[in-house]
Amino acid sequence: MLDKLDPAVRMRLLRVVAAVAWVDGEVQPAERTFIERLLGRLPLSDRERAEAASLLDRAPHPAEADPSRIAPEHREMLMDLVWQVMGADSTMSEEERVTARELEELLLGR
């Protein structure tokens, strides 16, 4: 589904997913692998691929990863990715769990 999105929308989603991976202060190896595999399946330009890969080395600025800028029709997809990246390492910290639930409340009203 991500592969069908406008490149700007896709990058916005990827920035939020990366920010979620950084919520505990570092991207865990399994989270990195998950995101790298995701990037490998997407039709990205060289510039987009480099930008997306850089998000694994430094957390995106909060203004770049503002989840409220995600269009309503993409929010469910974003939350699916959020739960997948947080669960990629089979360990979800309380901070990650709280962040995901708050994000879900913000985006989906659940």
N, C-alpha and C. Protein backbone atom coordinates (compact mmCIF):
# COMPACT_ATOMS: atom_id res chain seq x y z
N MET A 1 0.82 -1.19 0.00
CA MET A 1 0.00 0.00 0.00
C MET A 1 0.87 1.27 0.00
N LEU A 2 1.96 1.26 0.77
CA LEU A 2 2.86 2.41 0.79
C LEU A 2 3.43 2.70 -0.59
N ASP A 3 3.63 1.65 -1.36
CA ASP A 3 4.23 1.83 -2.68
C ASP A 3 3.32 2.60 -3.64
N LYS A 4 2.03 2.68 -3.35
CA LYS A 4 1.07 3.37 -4.21
C LYS A 4 0.90 4.84 -3.84
N LEU A 5 1.47 5.26 -2.72
CA LEU A 5 1.27 6.63 -2.23
C LEU A 5 2.16 7.63 -2.96
N ASP A 6 1.70 8.85 -2.95
CA ASP A 6 2.51 9.97 -3.43
C ASP A 6 3.82 9.98 -2.63
N PRO A 7 4.95 10.24 -3.27
CA PRO A 7 6.24 10.20 -2.56
C PRO A 7 6.30 11.10 -1.32
N ALA A 8 5.70 12.28 -1.37
CA ALA A 8 5.72 13.17 -0.20
C ALA A 8 4.94 12.57 0.97
N VAL A 9 3.82 11.95 0.67
CA VAL A 9 3.01 11.30 1.71
C VAL A 9 3.78 10.11 2.28
N ARG A 10 4.37 9.34 1.41
CA ARG A 10 5.15 8.16 1.85
C ARG A 10 6.28 8.59 2.78
N MET A 11 7.01 9.64 2.43
CA MET A 11 8.11 10.11 3.27
C MET A 11 7.59 10.62 4.62
N ARG A 12 6.46 11.28 4.61
CA ARG A 12 5.87 11.76 5.87
C ARG A 12 5.57 10.58 6.79
N LEU A 13 5.01 9.53 6.24
CA LEU A 13 4.71 8.32 7.02
C LEU A 13 6.00 7.68 7.54
N LEU A 14 7.01 7.60 6.68
CA LEU A 14 8.28 6.99 7.09
C LEU A 14 8.95 7.78 8.20
N ARG A 15 8.83 9.11 8.16
CA ARG A 15 9.41 9.92 9.23
C ARG A 15 8.74 9.64 10.57
N VAL A 16 7.43 9.48 10.55
CA VAL A 16 6.71 9.17 11.80
C VAL A 16 7.11 7.79 12.31
N VAL A 17 7.19 6.82 11.41
CA VAL A 17 7.59 5.46 11.81
C VAL A 17 8.99 5.49 12.41
N ALA A 18 9.89 6.22 11.79
CA ALA A 18 11.25 6.32 12.32
C ALA A 18 11.25 7.00 13.69
N ALA A 19 10.47 8.05 13.84
CA ALA A 19 10.39 8.74 15.14
C ALA A 19 9.92 7.78 16.23
N VAL A 20 8.98 6.93 15.89
CA VAL A 20 8.48 5.94 16.84
C VAL A 20 9.60 4.97 17.22
N ALA A 21 10.40 4.56 16.25
CA ALA A 21 11.51 3.65 16.54
C ALA A 21 12.51 4.30 17.50
N TRP A 22 12.63 5.61 17.45
CA TRP A 22 13.57 6.34 18.30
C TRP A 22 13.00 6.68 19.68
N VAL A 23 11.75 6.34 19.96
CA VAL A 23 11.09 6.80 21.18
C VAL A 23 11.84 6.42 22.46
N ASP A 24 12.54 5.31 22.44
CA ASP A 24 13.29 4.89 23.63
C ASP A 24 14.75 5.34 23.57
N GLY A 25 15.06 6.24 22.62
CA GLY A 25 16.40 6.80 22.55
C GLY A 25 17.34 6.14 21.57
N GLU A 26 16.95 5.01 21.02
CA GLU A 26 17.78 4.33 20.03
C GLU A 26 16.91 3.41 19.18
N VAL A 27 17.38 3.16 17.99
CA VAL A 27 16.69 2.21 17.10
C VAL A 27 17.31 0.84 17.38
N GLN A 28 16.48 -0.06 17.86
CA GLN A 28 16.95 -1.42 18.17
C GLN A 28 17.28 -2.15 16.86
N PRO A 29 18.19 -3.12 16.89
CA PRO A 29 18.56 -3.83 15.66
C PRO A 29 17.36 -4.42 14.90
N ALA A 30 16.42 -5.00 15.60
CA ALA A 30 15.25 -5.58 14.92
C ALA A 30 14.37 -4.49 14.31
N GLU A 31 14.28 -3.34 14.96
CA GLU A 31 13.52 -2.22 14.40
C GLU A 31 14.22 -1.70 13.14
N ARG A 32 15.53 -1.61 13.20
CA ARG A 32 16.32 -1.18 12.04
C ARG A 32 16.10 -2.14 10.87
N THR A 33 16.16 -3.43 11.15
CA THR A 33 15.95 -4.44 10.11
C THR A 33 14.56 -4.32 9.51
N PHE A 34 13.56 -4.14 10.36
CA PHE A 34 12.18 -3.99 9.88
C PHE A 34 12.09 -2.80 8.92
N ILE A 35 12.62 -1.67 9.33
CA ILE A 35 12.54 -0.46 8.50
C ILE A 35 13.36 -0.62 7.22
N GLU A 36 14.53 -1.20 7.31
CA GLU A 36 15.35 -1.42 6.12
C GLU A 36 14.63 -2.33 5.12
N ARG A 37 13.97 -3.36 5.60
CA ARG A 37 13.21 -4.26 4.71
C ARG A 37 12.04 -3.51 4.08
N LEU A 38 11.39 -2.70 4.89
CA LEU A 38 10.29 -1.88 4.38
C LEU A 38 10.79 -0.97 3.27
N LEU A 39 11.91 -0.30 3.49
CA LEU A 39 12.48 0.59 2.48
C LEU A 39 12.86 -0.17 1.22
N GLY A 40 13.33 -1.40 1.39
CA GLY A 40 13.72 -2.21 0.25
C GLY A 40 12.57 -2.58 -0.66
N ARG A 41 11.37 -2.56 -0.13
CA ARG A 41 10.18 -2.92 -0.92
C ARG A 41 9.52 -1.71 -1.58
N LEU A 42 10.01 -0.52 -1.28
CA LEU A 42 9.34 0.68 -1.77
C LEU A 42 10.04 1.28 -2.98
N PRO A 43 9.25 1.85 -3.89
CA PRO A 43 9.84 2.54 -5.04
C PRO A 43 10.29 3.94 -4.63
N LEU A 44 11.52 4.06 -4.18
CA LEU A 44 12.05 5.34 -3.71
C LEU A 44 13.13 5.84 -4.66
N SER A 45 13.17 7.13 -4.84
CA SER A 45 14.28 7.72 -5.60
C SER A 45 15.54 7.59 -4.74
N ASP A 46 16.68 7.83 -5.34
CA ASP A 46 17.93 7.77 -4.58
C ASP A 46 17.91 8.77 -3.43
N ARG A 47 17.38 9.96 -3.67
CA ARG A 47 17.30 10.99 -2.63
C ARG A 47 16.38 10.54 -1.49
N GLU A 48 15.21 9.99 -1.84
CA GLU A 48 14.27 9.52 -0.82
C GLU A 48 14.87 8.37 -0.02
N ARG A 49 15.54 7.45 -0.72
CA ARG A 49 16.15 6.31 -0.03
C ARG A 49 17.22 6.78 0.95
N ALA A 50 18.04 7.74 0.52
CA ALA A 50 19.09 8.27 1.40
C ALA A 50 18.48 8.99 2.60
N GLU A 51 17.43 9.77 2.36
CA GLU A 51 16.77 10.46 3.48
C GLU A 51 16.17 9.46 4.45
N ALA A 52 15.46 8.47 3.91
CA ALA A 52 14.81 7.48 4.77
C ALA A 52 15.85 6.69 5.57
N ALA A 53 16.95 6.30 4.92
CA ALA A 53 18.00 5.55 5.62
C ALA A 53 18.64 6.40 6.70
N SER A 54 18.77 7.70 6.47
CA SER A 54 19.38 8.58 7.48
C SER A 54 18.53 8.66 8.75
N LEU A 55 17.25 8.36 8.63
CA LEU A 55 16.37 8.39 9.80
C LEU A 55 16.70 7.28 10.80
N LEU A 56 17.46 6.30 10.36
CA LEU A 56 17.89 5.24 11.25
C LEU A 56 19.13 5.63 12.04
N ASP A 57 19.81 6.68 11.59
CA ASP A 57 21.03 7.14 12.26
C ASP A 57 20.81 8.35 13.15
N ARG A 58 19.74 9.08 12.89
CA ARG A 58 19.39 10.22 13.72
C ARG A 58 17.88 10.36 13.72
N ALA A 59 17.35 10.66 14.87
CA ALA A 59 15.90 10.81 14.98
C ALA A 59 15.44 12.03 14.18
N PRO A 60 14.31 11.90 13.51
CA PRO A 60 13.80 13.07 12.79
C PRO A 60 13.39 14.17 13.77
N HIS A 61 13.52 15.39 13.33
CA HIS A 61 13.07 16.53 14.14
C HIS A 61 11.56 16.38 14.34
N PRO A 62 11.04 16.70 15.52
CA PRO A 62 9.60 16.54 15.76
C PRO A 62 8.71 17.22 14.71
N ALA A 63 9.12 18.36 14.20
CA ALA A 63 8.32 19.03 13.18
C ALA A 63 8.26 18.23 11.89
N GLU A 64 9.29 17.43 11.62
CA GLU A 64 9.33 16.59 10.42
C GLU A 64 8.47 15.34 10.56
N ALA A 65 8.18 14.97 11.79
CA ALA A 65 7.47 13.72 12.05
C ALA A 65 6.17 13.98 12.79
N ASP A 66 5.51 15.06 12.47
CA ASP A 66 4.26 15.45 13.13
C ASP A 66 3.14 14.53 12.66
N PRO A 67 2.65 13.63 13.53
CA PRO A 67 1.62 12.69 13.09
C PRO A 67 0.29 13.36 12.75
N SER A 68 0.06 14.55 13.27
CA SER A 68 -1.20 15.23 12.96
C SER A 68 -1.26 15.67 11.50
N ARG A 69 -0.12 15.66 10.81
CA ARG A 69 -0.08 16.02 9.39
C ARG A 69 -0.42 14.84 8.48
N ILE A 70 -0.65 13.68 9.09
CA ILE A 70 -1.01 12.49 8.30
C ILE A 70 -2.50 12.57 7.97
N ALA A 71 -2.81 12.44 6.69
CA ALA A 71 -4.20 12.50 6.25
C ALA A 71 -5.01 11.36 6.87
N PRO A 72 -6.27 11.63 7.19
CA PRO A 72 -7.11 10.60 7.83
C PRO A 72 -7.13 9.26 7.09
N GLU A 73 -7.08 9.29 5.77
CA GLU A 73 -7.15 8.03 5.01
C GLU A 73 -5.87 7.20 5.12
N HIS A 74 -4.82 7.76 5.69
CA HIS A 74 -3.56 7.02 5.85
C HIS A 74 -3.24 6.68 7.30
N ARG A 75 -4.07 7.08 8.20
CA ARG A 75 -3.77 6.91 9.62
C ARG A 75 -3.82 5.47 10.09
N GLU A 76 -4.73 4.70 9.59
CA GLU A 76 -4.82 3.28 9.95
C GLU A 76 -3.56 2.55 9.49
N MET A 77 -3.13 2.84 8.27
CA MET A 77 -1.90 2.25 7.73
C MET A 77 -0.71 2.64 8.60
N LEU A 78 -0.65 3.90 8.99
CA LEU A 78 0.44 4.36 9.85
C LEU A 78 0.45 3.59 11.17
N MET A 79 -0.70 3.44 11.78
CA MET A 79 -0.75 2.73 13.07
C MET A 79 -0.35 1.27 12.90
N ASP A 80 -0.70 0.65 11.80
CA ASP A 80 -0.25 -0.73 11.54
C ASP A 80 1.27 -0.78 11.52
N LEU A 81 1.88 0.18 10.83
CA LEU A 81 3.35 0.23 10.77
C LEU A 81 3.96 0.53 12.13
N VAL A 82 3.33 1.42 12.88
CA VAL A 82 3.83 1.76 14.22
C VAL A 82 3.87 0.51 15.10
N TRP A 83 2.77 -0.22 15.14
CA TRP A 83 2.74 -1.43 15.98
C TRP A 83 3.75 -2.47 15.48
N GLN A 84 3.93 -2.57 14.16
CA GLN A 84 4.90 -3.52 13.63
C GLN A 84 6.32 -3.16 14.00
N VAL A 85 6.68 -1.88 13.84
CA VAL A 85 8.06 -1.50 14.17
C VAL A 85 8.31 -1.61 15.66
N MET A 86 7.34 -1.28 16.49
CA MET A 86 7.53 -1.39 17.94
C MET A 86 7.62 -2.84 18.39
N GLY A 87 6.93 -3.71 17.69
CA GLY A 87 6.97 -5.12 18.05
C GLY A 87 8.06 -5.91 17.34
N ALA A 88 8.82 -5.24 16.49
CA ALA A 88 9.83 -5.94 15.69
C ALA A 88 10.87 -6.65 16.53
N ASP A 89 11.21 -6.07 17.68
CA ASP A 89 12.23 -6.68 18.52
C ASP A 89 11.63 -7.59 19.60
N SER A 90 10.33 -7.86 19.49
CA SER A 90 9.61 -8.74 20.42
C SER A 90 9.61 -8.22 21.86
N THR A 91 10.05 -7.00 22.05
CA THR A 91 10.05 -6.38 23.36
C THR A 91 9.53 -4.97 23.21
N MET A 92 8.47 -4.66 23.93
CA MET A 92 7.93 -3.32 23.86
C MET A 92 8.01 -2.71 25.25
N SER A 93 8.78 -1.65 25.36
CA SER A 93 8.91 -0.98 26.65
C SER A 93 7.60 -0.28 26.99
N GLU A 94 7.45 0.06 28.24
CA GLU A 94 6.26 0.79 28.67
C GLU A 94 6.18 2.13 27.93
N GLU A 95 7.32 2.77 27.74
CA GLU A 95 7.37 4.04 27.02
C GLU A 95 6.87 3.88 25.58
N GLU A 96 7.29 2.81 24.93
CA GLU A 96 6.83 2.54 23.56
C GLU A 96 5.33 2.26 23.54
N ARG A 97 4.86 1.46 24.49
CA ARG A 97 3.45 1.11 24.55
C ARG A 97 2.59 2.36 24.76
N VAL A 98 3.02 3.22 25.68
CA VAL A 98 2.28 4.45 25.96
C VAL A 98 2.28 5.35 24.72
N THR A 99 3.42 5.46 24.08
CA THR A 99 3.52 6.29 22.87
C THR A 99 2.58 5.79 21.79
N ALA A 100 2.57 4.49 21.56
CA ALA A 100 1.70 3.92 20.53
C ALA A 100 0.23 4.14 20.87
N ARG A 101 -0.12 3.96 22.11
CA ARG A 101 -1.53 4.17 22.50
C ARG A 101 -1.93 5.63 22.37
N GLU A 102 -1.03 6.54 22.76
CA GLU A 102 -1.33 7.98 22.62
C GLU A 102 -1.44 8.37 21.15
N LEU A 103 -0.59 7.80 20.33
CA LEU A 103 -0.63 8.07 18.91
C LEU A 103 -1.93 7.54 18.30
N GLU A 104 -2.32 6.36 18.72
CA GLU A 104 -3.55 5.77 18.24
C GLU A 104 -4.75 6.62 18.66
N GLU A 105 -4.73 7.12 19.86
CA GLU A 105 -5.81 7.99 20.33
C GLU A 105 -5.84 9.28 19.51
N LEU A 106 -4.69 9.88 19.28
CA LEU A 106 -4.60 11.11 18.52
C LEU A 106 -5.10 10.91 17.09
N LEU A 107 -4.66 9.84 16.45
CA LEU A 107 -4.96 9.64 15.03
C LEU A 107 -6.29 8.98 14.76
N LEU A 108 -6.68 8.05 15.62
CA LEU A 108 -7.87 7.24 15.34
C LEU A 108 -8.99 7.41 16.35
N GLY A 109 -8.71 8.15 17.43
CA GLY A 109 -9.72 8.35 18.44
C GLY A 109 -10.07 7.11 19.24
N ARG A 110 -9.12 6.17 19.35
CA ARG A 110 -9.38 4.93 20.10
C ARG A 110 -8.74 4.98 21.45
